[in-house]
């Protein structure tokens, strides 16, 4: 099943091009290689699929010759670059209001991420979950978005940084010292999740720069844009996004239909009209996540089967062999260069 395209803000592309130039790279050659011209940069957004974004950012890393490109991009992504989402966040009355707004409207700026707020004892954790496999560019995408949000939260707190820690689901990179200087908080590498940590006791403290009227107006614009985006999004894409958001417990067809505000019969009919079934979408999502898990190498085969909702490991092995014509254990033993081409 082909992955649907999503709108990627053109302003983000302009910033990436500037960073390539700043590092002495050929930004024009990078843009030409991906069919990006000045008219595309002047538009509101470019339509990309997840694989196109991966190729785009992967070649940007090569052109910039700087593995910390994600951090450098995040440092430049100030609140105003995020449109009405950033404007509303900067006028929030409390950190909780800002975090809930970011959680709800992040898909307007980057549909490949879903954001959720979770309270764990005395920590408020803002999780950043990918909704499609990003492969080699997952790290720079997470670094850019998380650093941008961290700086936004510090800005609305008038210089006091409410972010206590940042968690990353990968090992510390060679440029970890730069990351520490930019995030200015504890960095937790090798975690099972990606996100920012705020003390729960700070969530409901009033913010001095709050502007209730400006917040309401900006939040209303975000809501209208979200409704427009949802109306224009295919049912397959909506179901796929829903499954990825709930990948630690996939909903059934009936539950998914309820979450999407339709009956199971209507959901089934719309999916069939688009050439697939609910089981097809679930299979595609499981396949993509399985490939990410195998490449990451952090989970055992048994843990992967459990994470993907299989009743036993044998069922997962059979499914993986159907997808890749070999069991996951054999696939994992291949050199990374061969696996990346699968």
C-alpha atoms as a PDB file:
ATOM      1  CA  UNK A   1       0.000   0.000   0.000  1.00  0.00           C
ATOM      2  CA  UNK A   2       1.446   3.345  -1.005  1.00  0.00           C
ATOM      3  CA  UNK A   3       1.987   5.853   1.802  1.00  0.00           C
ATOM      4  CA  UNK A   4      -0.116   9.026   1.506  1.00  0.00           C
ATOM      5  CA  UNK A   5       1.573  12.380   1.042  1.00  0.00           C
ATOM      6  CA  UNK A   6       1.352  15.132   3.645  1.00  0.00           C
ATOM      7  CA  UNK A   7       1.962  18.911   3.550  1.00  0.00           C
ATOM      8  CA  UNK A   8       5.465  19.866   4.676  1.00  0.00           C
ATOM      9  CA  UNK A   9       5.835  23.600   5.447  1.00  0.00           C
ATOM     10  CA  UNK A  10       7.925  25.330   2.770  1.00  0.00           C
ATOM     11  CA  UNK A  11       9.450  27.603   5.403  1.00  0.00           C
ATOM     12  CA  UNK A  12      11.120  24.570   6.975  1.00  0.00           C
ATOM     13  CA  UNK A  13      12.672  23.740   3.596  1.00  0.00           C
ATOM     14  CA  UNK A  14      14.026  27.288   3.294  1.00  0.00           C
ATOM     15  CA  UNK A  15      15.682  26.965   6.696  1.00  0.00           C
ATOM     16  CA  UNK A  16      17.263  23.641   5.719  1.00  0.00           C
ATOM     17  CA  UNK A  17      18.586  25.236   2.513  1.00  0.00           C
ATOM     18  CA  UNK A  18      20.050  28.125   4.540  1.00  0.00           C
ATOM     19  CA  UNK A  19      21.798  25.678   6.869  1.00  0.00           C
ATOM     20  CA  UNK A  20      23.301  23.813   3.918  1.00  0.00           C
ATOM     21  CA  UNK A  21      24.615  27.097   2.501  1.00  0.00           C
ATOM     22  CA  UNK A  22      25.933  28.121   5.903  1.00  0.00           C
ATOM     23  CA  UNK A  23      27.948  24.921   6.078  1.00  0.00           C
ATOM     24  CA  UNK A  24      29.449  25.521   2.654  1.00  0.00           C
ATOM     25  CA  UNK A  25      27.206  23.024   0.862  1.00  0.00           C
ATOM     26  CA  UNK A  26      25.418  23.418  -2.465  1.00  0.00           C
ATOM     27  CA  UNK A  27      21.817  24.114  -1.472  1.00  0.00           C
ATOM     28  CA  UNK A  28      20.756  24.710  -5.073  1.00  0.00           C
ATOM     29  CA  UNK A  29      22.015  21.271  -6.138  1.00  0.00           C
ATOM     30  CA  UNK A  30      20.213  19.712  -3.165  1.00  0.00           C
ATOM     31  CA  UNK A  31      16.942  21.399  -4.113  1.00  0.00           C
ATOM     32  CA  UNK A  32      17.307  20.536  -7.804  1.00  0.00           C
ATOM     33  CA  UNK A  33      17.941  16.866  -6.968  1.00  0.00           C
ATOM     34  CA  UNK A  34      14.556  16.749  -5.233  1.00  0.00           C
ATOM     35  CA  UNK A  35      12.590  18.892  -7.656  1.00  0.00           C
ATOM     36  CA  UNK A  36      12.400  21.884  -5.307  1.00  0.00           C
ATOM     37  CA  UNK A  37      12.329  25.246  -7.040  1.00  0.00           C
ATOM     38  CA  UNK A  38      11.728  28.814  -5.910  1.00  0.00           C
ATOM     39  CA  UNK A  39       8.000  28.545  -6.603  1.00  0.00           C
ATOM     40  CA  UNK A  40       7.821  25.564  -4.224  1.00  0.00           C
ATOM     41  CA  UNK A  41       9.668  27.525  -1.530  1.00  0.00           C
ATOM     42  CA  UNK A  42       7.318  30.464  -1.992  1.00  0.00           C
ATOM     43  CA  UNK A  43       4.231  28.281  -1.557  1.00  0.00           C
ATOM     44  CA  UNK A  44       2.710  27.343   1.764  1.00  0.00           C
ATOM     45  CA  UNK A  45       3.735  23.698   1.749  1.00  0.00           C
ATOM     46  CA  UNK A  46       5.191  20.917  -0.372  1.00  0.00           C
ATOM     47  CA  UNK A  47       3.384  17.573  -0.692  1.00  0.00           C
ATOM     48  CA  UNK A  48       5.706  14.760   0.444  1.00  0.00           C
ATOM     49  CA  UNK A  49       5.409  11.088   1.338  1.00  0.00           C
ATOM     50  CA  UNK A  50       7.372   9.732   4.348  1.00  0.00           C
ATOM     51  CA  UNK A  51       9.915   8.100   2.013  1.00  0.00           C
ATOM     52  CA  UNK A  52      10.358  11.366   0.094  1.00  0.00           C
ATOM     53  CA  UNK A  53      10.958  13.265   3.336  1.00  0.00           C
ATOM     54  CA  UNK A  54      13.502  10.660   4.424  1.00  0.00           C
ATOM     55  CA  UNK A  55      15.362  10.992   1.114  1.00  0.00           C
ATOM     56  CA  UNK A  56      15.142  14.794   1.268  1.00  0.00           C
ATOM     57  CA  UNK A  57      16.544  15.112   4.780  1.00  0.00           C
ATOM     58  CA  UNK A  58      19.059  12.306   4.343  1.00  0.00           C
ATOM     59  CA  UNK A  59      20.632  14.093   1.376  1.00  0.00           C
ATOM     60  CA  UNK A  60      20.445  17.388   3.322  1.00  0.00           C
ATOM     61  CA  UNK A  61      22.611  15.805   6.037  1.00  0.00           C
ATOM     62  CA  UNK A  62      25.142  14.847   3.378  1.00  0.00           C
ATOM     63  CA  UNK A  63      25.025  18.269   1.693  1.00  0.00           C
ATOM     64  CA  UNK A  64      25.441  20.121   5.004  1.00  0.00           C
ATOM     65  CA  UNK A  65      28.161  17.686   6.125  1.00  0.00           C
ATOM     66  CA  UNK A  66      26.944  18.118   9.684  1.00  0.00           C
ATOM     67  CA  UNK A  67      25.261  15.251  11.582  1.00  0.00           C
ATOM     68  CA  UNK A  68      23.839  17.818  14.028  1.00  0.00           C
ATOM     69  CA  UNK A  69      21.680  19.384  11.304  1.00  0.00           C
ATOM     70  CA  UNK A  70      18.493  18.534  13.239  1.00  0.00           C
ATOM     71  CA  UNK A  71      19.670  20.502  16.274  1.00  0.00           C
ATOM     72  CA  UNK A  72      20.701  23.483  14.152  1.00  0.00           C
ATOM     73  CA  UNK A  73      17.301  23.455  12.449  1.00  0.00           C
ATOM     74  CA  UNK A  74      15.477  23.192  15.783  1.00  0.00           C
ATOM     75  CA  UNK A  75      17.361  26.210  17.114  1.00  0.00           C
ATOM     76  CA  UNK A  76      16.038  28.240  14.166  1.00  0.00           C
ATOM     77  CA  UNK A  77      12.457  27.029  14.432  1.00  0.00           C
ATOM     78  CA  UNK A  78      11.149  29.817  16.643  1.00  0.00           C
ATOM     79  CA  UNK A  79       7.482  30.097  17.633  1.00  0.00           C
ATOM     80  CA  UNK A  80       6.538  32.352  14.695  1.00  0.00           C
ATOM     81  CA  UNK A  81       7.721  29.734  12.179  1.00  0.00           C
ATOM     82  CA  UNK A  82       4.928  27.434  13.398  1.00  0.00           C
ATOM     83  CA  UNK A  83       2.104  29.743  12.302  1.00  0.00           C
ATOM     84  CA  UNK A  84      -1.086  29.882  14.334  1.00  0.00           C
ATOM     85  CA  UNK A  85       0.050  26.886  16.419  1.00  0.00           C
ATOM     86  CA  UNK A  86       3.091  28.793  17.661  1.00  0.00           C
ATOM     87  CA  UNK A  87       1.085  32.005  18.119  1.00  0.00           C
ATOM     88  CA  UNK A  88      -1.540  30.245  20.231  1.00  0.00           C
ATOM     89  CA  UNK A  89       1.093  28.442  22.322  1.00  0.00           C
ATOM     90  CA  UNK A  90       2.917  31.694  23.085  1.00  0.00           C
ATOM     91  CA  UNK A  91      -0.302  33.239  24.419  1.00  0.00           C
ATOM     92  CA  UNK A  92      -1.309  30.285  26.615  1.00  0.00           C
ATOM     93  CA  UNK A  93      -2.420  30.909  30.184  1.00  0.00           C
ATOM     94  CA  UNK A  94      -0.530  27.945  31.674  1.00  0.00           C
ATOM     95  CA  UNK A  95       2.031  25.357  30.622  1.00  0.00           C
ATOM     96  CA  UNK A  96      -0.717  22.734  30.643  1.00  0.00           C
ATOM     97  CA  UNK A  97      -2.755  24.776  28.170  1.00  0.00           C
ATOM     98  CA  UNK A  98       0.308  25.205  25.941  1.00  0.00           C
ATOM     99  CA  UNK A  99       1.232  21.508  26.059  1.00  0.00           C
ATOM    100  CA  UNK A 100      -2.333  20.383  25.350  1.00  0.00           C
ATOM    101  CA  UNK A 101      -2.505  22.765  22.396  1.00  0.00           C
ATOM    102  CA  UNK A 102       0.820  21.489  21.024  1.00  0.00           C
ATOM    103  CA  UNK A 103      -0.428  17.917  21.468  1.00  0.00           C
ATOM    104  CA  UNK A 104      -3.595  18.582  19.495  1.00  0.00           C
ATOM    105  CA  UNK A 105      -2.287  20.716  16.652  1.00  0.00           C
ATOM    106  CA  UNK A 106       1.228  19.444  15.902  1.00  0.00           C
ATOM    107  CA  UNK A 107      -0.194  17.431  12.929  1.00  0.00           C
ATOM    108  CA  UNK A 108      -0.986  20.765  11.258  1.00  0.00           C
ATOM    109  CA  UNK A 109       2.734  21.515  10.994  1.00  0.00           C
ATOM    110  CA  UNK A 110       4.209  18.015  10.808  1.00  0.00           C
ATOM    111  CA  UNK A 111       1.701  15.174  10.311  1.00  0.00           C
ATOM    112  CA  UNK A 112       4.465  12.587  10.713  1.00  0.00           C
ATOM    113  CA  UNK A 113       4.437  13.213  14.472  1.00  0.00           C
ATOM    114  CA  UNK A 114       1.771  12.805  17.089  1.00  0.00           C
ATOM    115  CA  UNK A 115       2.202  14.410  20.502  1.00  0.00           C
ATOM    116  CA  UNK A 116       0.591  13.389  23.788  1.00  0.00           C
ATOM    117  CA  UNK A 117       0.855  14.578  27.368  1.00  0.00           C
ATOM    118  CA  UNK A 118       1.293  11.955  30.090  1.00  0.00           C
ATOM    119  CA  UNK A 119       1.606  12.459  33.846  1.00  0.00           C
ATOM    120  CA  UNK A 120       4.004   9.988  35.486  1.00  0.00           C
ATOM    121  CA  UNK A 121       4.276  10.624  39.244  1.00  0.00           C
ATOM    122  CA  UNK A 122       5.784  14.102  39.529  1.00  0.00           C
ATOM    123  CA  UNK A 123       6.694  14.363  35.843  1.00  0.00           C
ATOM    124  CA  UNK A 124       4.614  15.704  32.978  1.00  0.00           C
ATOM    125  CA  UNK A 125       5.941  13.960  29.870  1.00  0.00           C
ATOM    126  CA  UNK A 126       5.315  15.356  26.404  1.00  0.00           C
ATOM    127  CA  UNK A 127       5.720  12.333  24.124  1.00  0.00           C
ATOM    128  CA  UNK A 128       6.675  12.726  20.453  1.00  0.00           C
ATOM    129  CA  UNK A 129       5.675   9.612  18.493  1.00  0.00           C
ATOM    130  CA  UNK A 130       6.360   9.101  14.790  1.00  0.00           C
ATOM    131  CA  UNK A 131       3.244   8.162  12.807  1.00  0.00           C
ATOM    132  CA  UNK A 132       5.205   6.744   9.865  1.00  0.00           C
ATOM    133  CA  UNK A 133       8.637   5.087   9.565  1.00  0.00           C
ATOM    134  CA  UNK A 134      11.310   7.791   9.149  1.00  0.00           C
ATOM    135  CA  UNK A 135      14.331   5.513   8.957  1.00  0.00           C
ATOM    136  CA  UNK A 136      17.662   7.315   9.055  1.00  0.00           C
ATOM    137  CA  UNK A 137      16.151  10.774   9.608  1.00  0.00           C
ATOM    138  CA  UNK A 138      14.109   9.949  12.705  1.00  0.00           C
ATOM    139  CA  UNK A 139      16.906  11.310  14.901  1.00  0.00           C
ATOM    140  CA  UNK A 140      17.254  14.781  13.239  1.00  0.00           C
ATOM    141  CA  UNK A 141      13.464  15.175  12.968  1.00  0.00           C
ATOM    142  CA  UNK A 142      12.985  14.454  16.679  1.00  0.00           C
ATOM    143  CA  UNK A 143      15.932  16.659  17.636  1.00  0.00           C
ATOM    144  CA  UNK A 144      14.619  19.574  15.579  1.00  0.00           C
ATOM    145  CA  UNK A 145      11.027  19.405  16.813  1.00  0.00           C
ATOM    146  CA  UNK A 146      11.885  18.747  20.464  1.00  0.00           C
ATOM    147  CA  UNK A 147      14.453  21.560  20.625  1.00  0.00           C
ATOM    148  CA  UNK A 148      12.006  23.954  18.969  1.00  0.00           C
ATOM    149  CA  UNK A 149       9.265  23.098  21.483  1.00  0.00           C
ATOM    150  CA  UNK A 150      11.724  23.303  24.371  1.00  0.00           C
ATOM    151  CA  UNK A 151      12.732  26.828  23.312  1.00  0.00           C
ATOM    152  CA  UNK A 152       9.091  27.801  22.871  1.00  0.00           C
ATOM    153  CA  UNK A 153       8.271  26.692  26.418  1.00  0.00           C
ATOM    154  CA  UNK A 154      11.196  28.686  27.772  1.00  0.00           C
ATOM    155  CA  UNK A 155      10.050  31.734  25.811  1.00  0.00           C
ATOM    156  CA  UNK A 156       6.529  31.711  27.193  1.00  0.00           C
ATOM    157  CA  UNK A 157       7.985  31.229  30.698  1.00  0.00           C
ATOM    158  CA  UNK A 158      10.012  34.459  30.290  1.00  0.00           C
ATOM    159  CA  UNK A 159      13.449  32.878  30.402  1.00  0.00           C
ATOM    160  CA  UNK A 160      12.739  30.303  33.112  1.00  0.00           C
ATOM    161  CA  UNK A 161      13.159  26.898  31.499  1.00  0.00           C
ATOM    162  CA  UNK A 162      10.389  24.580  32.699  1.00  0.00           C
ATOM    163  CA  UNK A 163      11.884  21.630  30.804  1.00  0.00           C
ATOM    164  CA  UNK A 164      13.779  19.396  33.220  1.00  0.00           C
ATOM    165  CA  UNK A 165      14.932  16.718  30.778  1.00  0.00           C
ATOM    166  CA  UNK A 166      14.759  15.501  27.180  1.00  0.00           C
ATOM    167  CA  UNK A 167      14.503  11.775  26.400  1.00  0.00           C
ATOM    168  CA  UNK A 168      15.720  10.166  23.180  1.00  0.00           C
ATOM    169  CA  UNK A 169      15.193   6.577  21.932  1.00  0.00           C
ATOM    170  CA  UNK A 170      18.747   6.320  20.574  1.00  0.00           C
ATOM    171  CA  UNK A 171      22.322   6.334  21.861  1.00  0.00           C
ATOM    172  CA  UNK A 172      24.170   9.565  22.579  1.00  0.00           C
ATOM    173  CA  UNK A 173      25.614  10.947  19.308  1.00  0.00           C
ATOM    174  CA  UNK A 174      29.136  12.293  18.846  1.00  0.00           C
ATOM    175  CA  UNK A 175      27.717  15.817  19.101  1.00  0.00           C
ATOM    176  CA  UNK A 176      26.021  15.189  22.463  1.00  0.00           C
ATOM    177  CA  UNK A 177      27.914  18.119  24.026  1.00  0.00           C
ATOM    178  CA  UNK A 178      26.292  20.487  21.511  1.00  0.00           C
ATOM    179  CA  UNK A 179      22.902  18.970  22.306  1.00  0.00           C
ATOM    180  CA  UNK A 180      23.435  19.626  26.020  1.00  0.00           C
ATOM    181  CA  UNK A 181      24.404  23.244  25.378  1.00  0.00           C
ATOM    182  CA  UNK A 182      21.315  23.844  23.243  1.00  0.00           C
ATOM    183  CA  UNK A 183      18.747  21.971  25.341  1.00  0.00           C
ATOM    184  CA  UNK A 184      20.235  23.273  28.607  1.00  0.00           C
ATOM    185  CA  UNK A 185      18.687  20.420  30.603  1.00  0.00           C
ATOM    186  CA  UNK A 186      19.359  16.784  31.446  1.00  0.00           C
ATOM    187  CA  UNK A 187      19.552  14.593  28.339  1.00  0.00           C
ATOM    188  CA  UNK A 188      18.438  10.968  28.702  1.00  0.00           C
ATOM    189  CA  UNK A 189      19.660   8.819  25.798  1.00  0.00           C
ATOM    190  CA  UNK A 190      18.752   5.190  25.155  1.00  0.00           C
ATOM    191  CA  UNK A 191      15.174   5.624  26.387  1.00  0.00           C
ATOM    192  CA  UNK A 192      12.075   3.786  25.159  1.00  0.00           C
ATOM    193  CA  UNK A 193      10.359   7.061  24.262  1.00  0.00           C
ATOM    194  CA  UNK A 194      11.105  10.517  22.853  1.00  0.00           C
ATOM    195  CA  UNK A 195       9.960  13.685  24.551  1.00  0.00           C
ATOM    196  CA  UNK A 196      10.338  16.456  27.088  1.00  0.00           C
ATOM    197  CA  UNK A 197       9.918  16.319  30.859  1.00  0.00           C
ATOM    198  CA  UNK A 198       8.312  19.154  32.851  1.00  0.00           C
ATOM    199  CA  UNK A 199       7.666  19.069  36.581  1.00  0.00           C
ATOM    200  CA  UNK A 200       3.960  18.398  37.070  1.00  0.00           C
ATOM    201  CA  UNK A 201       3.811  21.056  39.799  1.00  0.00           C
ATOM    202  CA  UNK A 202       4.572  23.737  37.181  1.00  0.00           C
ATOM    203  CA  UNK A 203       1.736  22.811  34.817  1.00  0.00           C
ATOM    204  CA  UNK A 204      -0.957  25.094  36.217  1.00  0.00           C
ATOM    205  CA  UNK A 205       1.091  28.082  37.306  1.00  0.00           C
ATOM    206  CA  UNK A 206      -0.185  31.222  35.511  1.00  0.00           C
ATOM    207  CA  UNK A 207       2.069  32.597  32.778  1.00  0.00           C
ATOM    208  CA  UNK A 208       2.773  36.345  32.847  1.00  0.00           C
ATOM    209  CA  UNK A 209       2.629  36.849  29.069  1.00  0.00           C
ATOM    210  CA  UNK A 210      -0.760  35.129  28.687  1.00  0.00           C
ATOM    211  CA  UNK A 211      -3.236  36.842  26.358  1.00  0.00           C
ATOM    212  CA  UNK A 212      -6.591  35.028  26.560  1.00  0.00           C
ATOM    213  CA  UNK A 213      -8.129  36.826  23.579  1.00  0.00           C
ATOM    214  CA  UNK A 214      -5.122  36.246  21.318  1.00  0.00           C
ATOM    215  CA  UNK A 215      -5.054  32.597  22.449  1.00  0.00           C
ATOM    216  CA  UNK A 216      -8.741  32.091  21.619  1.00  0.00           C
ATOM    217  CA  UNK A 217      -8.384  33.622  18.163  1.00  0.00           C
ATOM    218  CA  UNK A 218      -5.283  31.597  17.278  1.00  0.00           C
ATOM    219  CA  UNK A 219      -6.716  28.363  18.708  1.00  0.00           C
ATOM    220  CA  UNK A 220      -9.890  28.892  16.672  1.00  0.00           C
ATOM    221  CA  UNK A 221      -7.816  29.248  13.491  1.00  0.00           C
ATOM    222  CA  UNK A 222      -5.976  26.039  14.387  1.00  0.00           C
ATOM    223  CA  UNK A 223      -9.270  24.213  14.926  1.00  0.00           C
ATOM    224  CA  UNK A 224     -10.653  25.376  11.586  1.00  0.00           C
ATOM    225  CA  UNK A 225      -7.502  24.320   9.775  1.00  0.00           C
ATOM    226  CA  UNK A 226      -7.552  20.934  11.506  1.00  0.00           C
ATOM    227  CA  UNK A 227     -11.176  20.362  10.498  1.00  0.00           C
ATOM    228  CA  UNK A 228     -10.343  21.326   6.908  1.00  0.00           C
ATOM    229  CA  UNK A 229      -7.327  19.007   6.898  1.00  0.00           C
ATOM    230  CA  UNK A 230      -9.330  16.098   8.303  1.00  0.00           C
ATOM    231  CA  UNK A 231     -12.098  16.607   5.739  1.00  0.00           C
ATOM    232  CA  UNK A 232      -9.543  16.474   2.909  1.00  0.00           C
ATOM    233  CA  UNK A 233      -7.648  13.462   4.299  1.00  0.00           C
ATOM    234  CA  UNK A 234      -8.409  10.004   2.939  1.00  0.00           C
ATOM    235  CA  UNK A 235     -10.011   7.449   5.226  1.00  0.00           C
ATOM    236  CA  UNK A 236      -6.997   5.172   4.773  1.00  0.00           C
ATOM    237  CA  UNK A 237      -4.672   7.931   5.982  1.00  0.00           C
ATOM    238  CA  UNK A 238      -6.903   8.698   8.957  1.00  0.00           C
ATOM    239  CA  UNK A 239      -7.067   5.021   9.991  1.00  0.00           C
ATOM    240  CA  UNK A 240      -3.318   4.643   9.516  1.00  0.00           C
ATOM    241  CA  UNK A 241      -2.633   7.696  11.673  1.00  0.00           C
ATOM    242  CA  UNK A 242      -5.031   6.413  14.346  1.00  0.00           C
ATOM    243  CA  UNK A 243      -3.349   2.996  14.467  1.00  0.00           C
ATOM    244  CA  UNK A 244       0.110   4.534  14.709  1.00  0.00           C
ATOM    245  CA  UNK A 245      -1.000   6.829  17.517  1.00  0.00           C
ATOM    246  CA  UNK A 246      -2.265   3.757  19.389  1.00  0.00           C
ATOM    247  CA  UNK A 247       0.463   1.317  18.374  1.00  0.00           C
ATOM    248  CA  UNK A 248       0.788   0.008  21.935  1.00  0.00           C
ATOM    249  CA  UNK A 249      -2.766  -1.327  21.748  1.00  0.00           C
ATOM    250  CA  UNK A 250      -4.300  -1.311  18.264  1.00  0.00           C
ATOM    251  CA  UNK A 251      -8.045  -0.583  18.309  1.00  0.00           C
ATOM    252  CA  UNK A 252     -10.484  -2.925  16.592  1.00  0.00           C
ATOM    253  CA  UNK A 253     -12.535  -1.866  13.567  1.00  0.00           C
ATOM    254  CA  UNK A 254     -15.499  -0.981  15.770  1.00  0.00           C
ATOM    255  CA  UNK A 255     -13.386   1.046  18.224  1.00  0.00           C
ATOM    256  CA  UNK A 256     -11.563   2.804  15.383  1.00  0.00           C
ATOM    257  CA  UNK A 257     -14.897   3.694  13.792  1.00  0.00           C
ATOM    258  CA  UNK A 258     -16.122   5.221  17.043  1.00  0.00           C
ATOM    259  CA  UNK A 259     -12.911   7.237  17.423  1.00  0.00           C
ATOM    260  CA  UNK A 260     -13.343   8.514  13.848  1.00  0.00           C
ATOM    261  CA  UNK A 261     -16.994   9.424  14.507  1.00  0.00           C
ATOM    262  CA  UNK A 262     -18.600   6.948  12.128  1.00  0.00           C
ATOM    263  CA  UNK A 263     -20.248   3.528  12.252  1.00  0.00           C
ATOM    264  CA  UNK A 264     -18.223   0.353  11.618  1.00  0.00           C
ATOM    265  CA  UNK A 265     -20.273  -0.249   8.451  1.00  0.00           C
ATOM    266  CA  UNK A 266     -19.475   3.248   7.151  1.00  0.00           C
ATOM    267  CA  UNK A 267     -15.772   2.895   7.947  1.00  0.00           C
ATOM    268  CA  UNK A 268     -15.612  -0.465   6.190  1.00  0.00           C
ATOM    269  CA  UNK A 269     -17.422   0.901   3.135  1.00  0.00           C
ATOM    270  CA  UNK A 270     -15.161   3.955   2.844  1.00  0.00           C
ATOM    271  CA  UNK A 271     -12.028   1.832   3.099  1.00  0.00           C
ATOM    272  CA  UNK A 272     -13.325  -0.542   0.423  1.00  0.00           C
ATOM    273  CA  UNK A 273     -14.088   2.464  -1.793  1.00  0.00           C
ATOM    274  CA  UNK A 274     -10.406   3.411  -1.436  1.00  0.00           C
ATOM    275  CA  UNK A 275      -9.288  -0.095  -2.380  1.00  0.00           C
ATOM    276  CA  UNK A 276      -8.506  -1.786   0.930  1.00  0.00           C
ATOM    277  CA  UNK A 277      -9.886  -3.087   4.210  1.00  0.00           C
ATOM    278  CA  UNK A 278      -9.204  -2.295   7.865  1.00  0.00           C
ATOM    279  CA  UNK A 279      -7.107  -5.468   8.065  1.00  0.00           C
ATOM    280  CA  UNK A 280      -5.014  -4.287   5.091  1.00  0.00           C
ATOM    281  CA  UNK A 281      -4.214  -0.981   6.823  1.00  0.00           C
ATOM    282  CA  UNK A 282      -3.389  -2.753  10.100  1.00  0.00           C
ATOM    283  CA  UNK A 283      -1.140  -5.170   8.218  1.00  0.00           C
ATOM    284  CA  UNK A 284       0.674  -2.282   6.521  1.00  0.00           C
ATOM    285  CA  UNK A 285       1.173  -0.461   9.837  1.00  0.00           C
ATOM    286  CA  UNK A 286       2.473  -3.608  11.538  1.00  0.00           C
ATOM    287  CA  UNK A 287       4.861  -4.226   8.648  1.00  0.00           C
ATOM    288  CA  UNK A 288       6.293  -0.705   8.849  1.00  0.00           C
ATOM    289  CA  UNK A 289       6.692  -0.831  12.628  1.00  0.00           C
ATOM    290  CA  UNK A 290       8.240  -4.308  12.474  1.00  0.00           C
ATOM    291  CA  UNK A 291      10.890  -3.054  10.040  1.00  0.00           C
ATOM    292  CA  UNK A 292      11.681  -0.126  12.333  1.00  0.00           C
ATOM    293  CA  UNK A 293      11.967  -2.422  15.366  1.00  0.00           C
ATOM    294  CA  UNK A 294      14.251  -4.881  13.562  1.00  0.00           C
ATOM    295  CA  UNK A 295      16.518  -2.114  12.253  1.00  0.00           C
ATOM    296  CA  UNK A 296      16.689  -0.460  15.680  1.00  0.00           C
ATOM    297  CA  UNK A 297      17.713  -3.744  17.299  1.00  0.00           C
ATOM    298  CA  UNK A 298      16.428  -2.740  20.735  1.00  0.00           C
ATOM    299  CA  UNK A 299      13.719  -5.427  21.119  1.00  0.00           C
ATOM    300  CA  UNK A 300      13.847  -9.211  21.050  1.00  0.00           C
ATOM    301  CA  UNK A 301      11.658 -11.070  18.555  1.00  0.00           C
ATOM    302  CA  UNK A 302       9.280 -11.951  21.393  1.00  0.00           C
ATOM    303  CA  UNK A 303       9.071  -8.309  22.508  1.00  0.00           C
ATOM    304  CA  UNK A 304       8.391  -7.180  18.938  1.00  0.00           C
ATOM    305  CA  UNK A 305       5.562  -9.688  18.591  1.00  0.00           C
ATOM    306  CA  UNK A 306       4.005  -8.436  21.833  1.00  0.00           C
ATOM    307  CA  UNK A 307       4.459  -4.763  20.873  1.00  0.00           C
ATOM    308  CA  UNK A 308       2.704  -5.350  17.532  1.00  0.00           C
ATOM    309  CA  UNK A 309      -0.261  -7.102  19.126  1.00  0.00           C
ATOM    310  CA  UNK A 310       0.373 -10.695  18.021  1.00  0.00           C
ATOM    311  CA  UNK A 311      -1.049 -13.422  20.209  1.00  0.00           C
ATOM    312  CA  UNK A 312       2.148 -15.456  19.959  1.00  0.00           C
ATOM    313  CA  UNK A 313       5.618 -15.175  18.471  1.00  0.00           C
ATOM    314  CA  UNK A 314       4.933 -17.804  15.803  1.00  0.00           C
ATOM    315  CA  UNK A 315       2.200 -15.658  14.258  1.00  0.00           C
ATOM    316  CA  UNK A 316       4.582 -12.691  14.101  1.00  0.00           C
ATOM    317  CA  UNK A 317       7.320 -14.797  12.486  1.00  0.00           C
ATOM    318  CA  UNK A 318       4.880 -16.057   9.844  1.00  0.00           C
ATOM    319  CA  UNK A 319       3.711 -12.497   9.107  1.00  0.00           C
ATOM    320  CA  UNK A 320       7.296 -11.216   8.829  1.00  0.00           C
ATOM    321  CA  UNK A 321       8.237 -14.039   6.467  1.00  0.00           C
ATOM    322  CA  UNK A 322       5.216 -13.157   4.330  1.00  0.00           C
ATOM    323  CA  UNK A 323       6.394  -9.517   4.167  1.00  0.00           C
ATOM    324  CA  UNK A 324      10.125 -10.028   3.661  1.00  0.00           C
ATOM    325  CA  UNK A 325      10.380 -13.657   2.437  1.00  0.00           C
ATOM    326  CA  UNK A 326      12.558 -14.514   5.446  1.00  0.00           C
ATOM    327  CA  UNK A 327      12.125 -14.720   9.227  1.00  0.00           C
ATOM    328  CA  UNK A 328      13.009 -11.662  11.352  1.00  0.00           C
ATOM    329  CA  UNK A 329      16.054 -13.400  12.869  1.00  0.00           C
ATOM    330  CA  UNK A 330      17.603 -13.856   9.408  1.00  0.00           C
ATOM    331  CA  UNK A 331      16.726 -10.323   8.356  1.00  0.00           C
ATOM    332  CA  UNK A 332      18.364  -8.920  11.491  1.00  0.00           C
ATOM    333  CA  UNK A 333      21.635 -10.754  10.708  1.00  0.00           C
ATOM    334  CA  UNK A 334      21.979  -9.032   7.330  1.00  0.00           C
ATOM    335  CA  UNK A 335      24.428  -6.127   7.016  1.00  0.00           C
ATOM    336  CA  UNK A 336      22.705  -2.793   7.703  1.00  0.00           C
ATOM    337  CA  UNK A 337      23.390  -1.651   4.128  1.00  0.00           C
ATOM    338  CA  UNK A 338      21.324  -4.538   2.764  1.00  0.00           C
ATOM    339  CA  UNK A 339      18.543  -4.088   5.325  1.00  0.00           C
ATOM    340  CA  UNK A 340      18.199  -0.373   4.513  1.00  0.00           C
ATOM    341  CA  UNK A 341      17.402  -1.265   0.893  1.00  0.00           C
ATOM    342  CA  UNK A 342      14.539  -3.597   1.810  1.00  0.00           C
END
